[in-house]
C-alpha atoms as a PDB file:
ATOM      1  CA  MET A   1      -0.152   0.262  -0.159  1.00  0.00           C
ATOM      2  CA  ASP A   2       1.161   3.453  -1.156  1.00  0.00           C
ATOM      3  CA  LYS A   3       1.599   6.090   1.960  1.00  0.00           C
ATOM      4  CA  VAL A   4       1.389  10.047   1.045  1.00  0.00           C
ATOM      5  CA  SER A   5       2.750  13.114   2.571  1.00  0.00           C
ATOM      6  CA  GLN A   6       0.347  15.524   3.476  1.00  0.00           C
ATOM      7  CA  GLY A   7       1.469  18.389   5.922  1.00  0.00           C
ATOM      8  CA  GLY A   8       4.059  16.392   7.398  1.00  0.00           C
ATOM      9  CA  SER A   9       2.498  13.806   8.460  1.00  0.00           C
ATOM     10  CA  GLU A  10       1.836  10.507   6.420  1.00  0.00           C
ATOM     11  CA  GLN A  11      -1.416   9.070   5.221  1.00  0.00           C
ATOM     12  CA  VAL A  12      -2.264   5.527   3.920  1.00  0.00           C
ATOM     13  CA  ALA A  13      -3.413   5.823  -0.097  1.00  0.00           C
ATOM     14  CA  SER A  14      -6.572   4.451  -0.693  1.00  0.00           C
ATOM     15  CA  GLU A  15      -6.187   0.564  -2.624  1.00  0.00           C
ATOM     16  CA  THR A  16      -8.167   1.244  -5.692  1.00  0.00           C
ATOM     17  CA  VAL A  17      -8.754  -1.086  -8.599  1.00  0.00           C
ATOM     18  CA  GLN A  18      -9.308   0.911 -12.446  1.00  0.00           C
ATOM     19  CA  VAL A  19     -12.267   0.439 -14.014  1.00  0.00           C
ATOM     20  CA  ARG A  20     -12.669   0.363 -17.904  1.00  0.00           C
ATOM     21  CA  LEU A  21     -16.061   0.247 -20.377  1.00  0.00           C
ATOM     22  CA  PHE A  22     -16.190  -0.315 -23.532  1.00  0.00           C
ATOM     23  CA  ALA A  23     -18.183   0.329 -26.889  1.00  0.00           C
ATOM     24  CA  LEU A  24     -22.034   0.767 -26.143  1.00  0.00           C
ATOM     25  CA  LEU A  25     -21.190  -0.117 -22.172  1.00  0.00           C
ATOM     26  CA  GLN A  26     -19.509   3.067 -22.553  1.00  0.00           C
ATOM     27  CA  ASP A  27     -21.831   5.226 -23.926  1.00  0.00           C
ATOM     28  CA  ARG A  28     -24.793   3.996 -21.722  1.00  0.00           C
ATOM     29  CA  ALA A  29     -22.671   5.354 -18.378  1.00  0.00           C
ATOM     30  CA  GLY A  30     -21.451   8.372 -20.141  1.00  0.00           C
ATOM     31  CA  TRP A  31     -17.673   7.459 -19.186  1.00  0.00           C
ATOM     32  CA  SER A  32     -14.882   4.933 -20.109  1.00  0.00           C
ATOM     33  CA  ALA A  33     -12.549   4.341 -17.168  1.00  0.00           C
ATOM     34  CA  ARG A  34     -13.136   5.114 -13.543  1.00  0.00           C
ATOM     35  CA  GLU A  35     -10.938   4.451 -10.083  1.00  0.00           C
ATOM     36  CA  LEU A  36     -12.619   2.694  -7.466  1.00  0.00           C
ATOM     37  CA  PRO A  37     -11.895   2.975  -3.828  1.00  0.00           C
ATOM     38  CA  LEU A  38     -11.257  -0.810  -2.908  1.00  0.00           C
ATOM     39  CA  PRO A  39     -12.228  -1.427   1.055  1.00  0.00           C
ATOM     40  CA  ALA A  40      -9.405  -2.594   3.017  1.00  0.00           C
ATOM     41  CA  ASP A  41     -10.858  -5.676   3.446  1.00  0.00           C
ATOM     42  CA  SER A  42     -12.245  -6.482   0.188  1.00  0.00           C
ATOM     43  CA  CYS A  43     -13.745  -9.427  -0.971  1.00  0.00           C
ATOM     44  CA  LEU A  44     -15.620  -7.753  -4.277  1.00  0.00           C
ATOM     45  CA  SER A  45     -16.349  -9.250  -7.104  1.00  0.00           C
ATOM     46  CA  ALA A  46     -16.028  -8.648 -10.704  1.00  0.00           C
ATOM     47  CA  LEU A  47     -20.270  -8.400 -10.483  1.00  0.00           C
ATOM     48  CA  ASP A  48     -19.702  -6.843  -7.382  1.00  0.00           C
ATOM     49  CA  VAL A  49     -18.177  -3.840  -8.943  1.00  0.00           C
ATOM     50  CA  TRP A  50     -20.388  -3.571 -11.573  1.00  0.00           C
ATOM     51  CA  ASN A  51     -23.612  -3.265  -9.149  1.00  0.00           C
ATOM     52  CA  ARG A  52     -21.318  -0.586  -6.561  1.00  0.00           C
ATOM     53  CA  LEU A  53     -21.062   1.288  -9.695  1.00  0.00           C
ATOM     54  CA  ASN A  54     -24.445   1.078 -10.798  1.00  0.00           C
ATOM     55  CA  LEU A  55     -24.204   0.074 -14.485  1.00  0.00           C
ATOM     56  CA  GLY A  56     -28.197  -1.563 -14.475  1.00  0.00           C
ATOM     57  CA  PRO A  57     -28.757  -5.100 -14.400  1.00  0.00           C
ATOM     58  CA  TRP A  58     -26.344  -7.750 -15.371  1.00  0.00           C
ATOM     59  CA  SER A  59     -26.414  -9.245 -18.112  1.00  0.00           C
ATOM     60  CA  ALA A  60     -25.197 -12.903 -19.123  1.00  0.00           C
ATOM     61  CA  SER A  61     -23.917 -11.680 -22.519  1.00  0.00           C
ATOM     62  CA  LEU A  62     -21.797  -9.307 -21.416  1.00  0.00           C
ATOM     63  CA  ARG A  63     -17.547 -10.318 -20.731  1.00  0.00           C
ATOM     64  CA  VAL A  64     -15.401  -9.204 -17.538  1.00  0.00           C
ATOM     65  CA  ALA A  65     -11.813  -9.376 -18.212  1.00  0.00           C
ATOM     66  CA  ILE A  66      -8.723  -8.578 -15.318  1.00  0.00           C
ATOM     67  CA  ASN A  67      -5.636  -7.809 -16.181  1.00  0.00           C
ATOM     68  CA  GLN A  68      -6.383  -8.149 -19.863  1.00  0.00           C
ATOM     69  CA  ASN A  69      -7.810 -11.979 -19.012  1.00  0.00           C
ATOM     70  CA  LEU A  70     -11.429 -13.054 -19.642  1.00  0.00           C
ATOM     71  CA  VAL A  71     -12.583 -14.344 -16.349  1.00  0.00           C
ATOM     72  CA  GLU A  72     -16.186 -15.548 -14.739  1.00  0.00           C
ATOM     73  CA  PRO A  73     -18.393 -12.399 -12.854  1.00  0.00           C
ATOM     74  CA  GLN A  74     -17.931 -13.790  -9.636  1.00  0.00           C
ATOM     75  CA  GLN A  75     -13.771 -13.821  -9.660  1.00  0.00           C
ATOM     76  CA  ARG A  76     -12.693 -11.973  -6.818  1.00  0.00           C
ATOM     77  CA  VAL A  77     -10.982  -8.317  -7.859  1.00  0.00           C
ATOM     78  CA  HIS A  78      -8.001  -7.325  -5.568  1.00  0.00           C
ATOM     79  CA  ALA A  79      -5.899  -3.396  -5.685  1.00  0.00           C
ATOM     80  CA  GLY A  80      -4.126  -2.440  -8.594  1.00  0.00           C
ATOM     81  CA  ASP A  81      -6.109  -4.690 -10.604  1.00  0.00           C
ATOM     82  CA  GLU A  82      -7.433  -3.721 -14.193  1.00  0.00           C
ATOM     83  CA  LEU A  83     -11.165  -4.505 -14.452  1.00  0.00           C
ATOM     84  CA  ALA A  84     -13.192  -4.676 -18.140  1.00  0.00           C
ATOM     85  CA  PHE A  85     -16.635  -4.948 -18.600  1.00  0.00           C
ATOM     86  CA  LEU A  86     -16.991  -5.212 -22.591  1.00  0.00           C
ATOM     87  CA  PRO A  87     -20.492  -6.196 -24.064  1.00  0.00           C
ATOM     88  CA  PRO A  88     -21.235  -8.998 -25.953  1.00  0.00           C
ATOM     89  CA  PHE A  89     -18.800  -8.624 -29.888  1.00  0.00           C
ATOM     90  CA  THR A  90     -18.931 -10.688 -32.757  1.00  0.00           C
ATOM     91  CA  GLY A  91     -16.134 -11.967 -35.669  1.00  0.00           C
ATOM     92  CA  GLY A  92     -16.698 -11.237 -38.958  1.00  0.00           C
END
């Protein structure tokens, strides 16, 4: 955990996860990336993060990636992770 010096005293910086949205999800939410603070004893899953950000109902067609690896929505996220929510996509 990083420490931030502020006015001569040290404070512990909040641990965070980087959240990214793509395509239609980005358009709906109105943002493409956010940094979300995690509770110190975090046991949040990717789906918990989705719900915490009020991104709407979960759909089985959505995909989740943590650190650029596709995972199940129930996968736990850790401080420093990059969490990406991906809409359905097709090959061409």
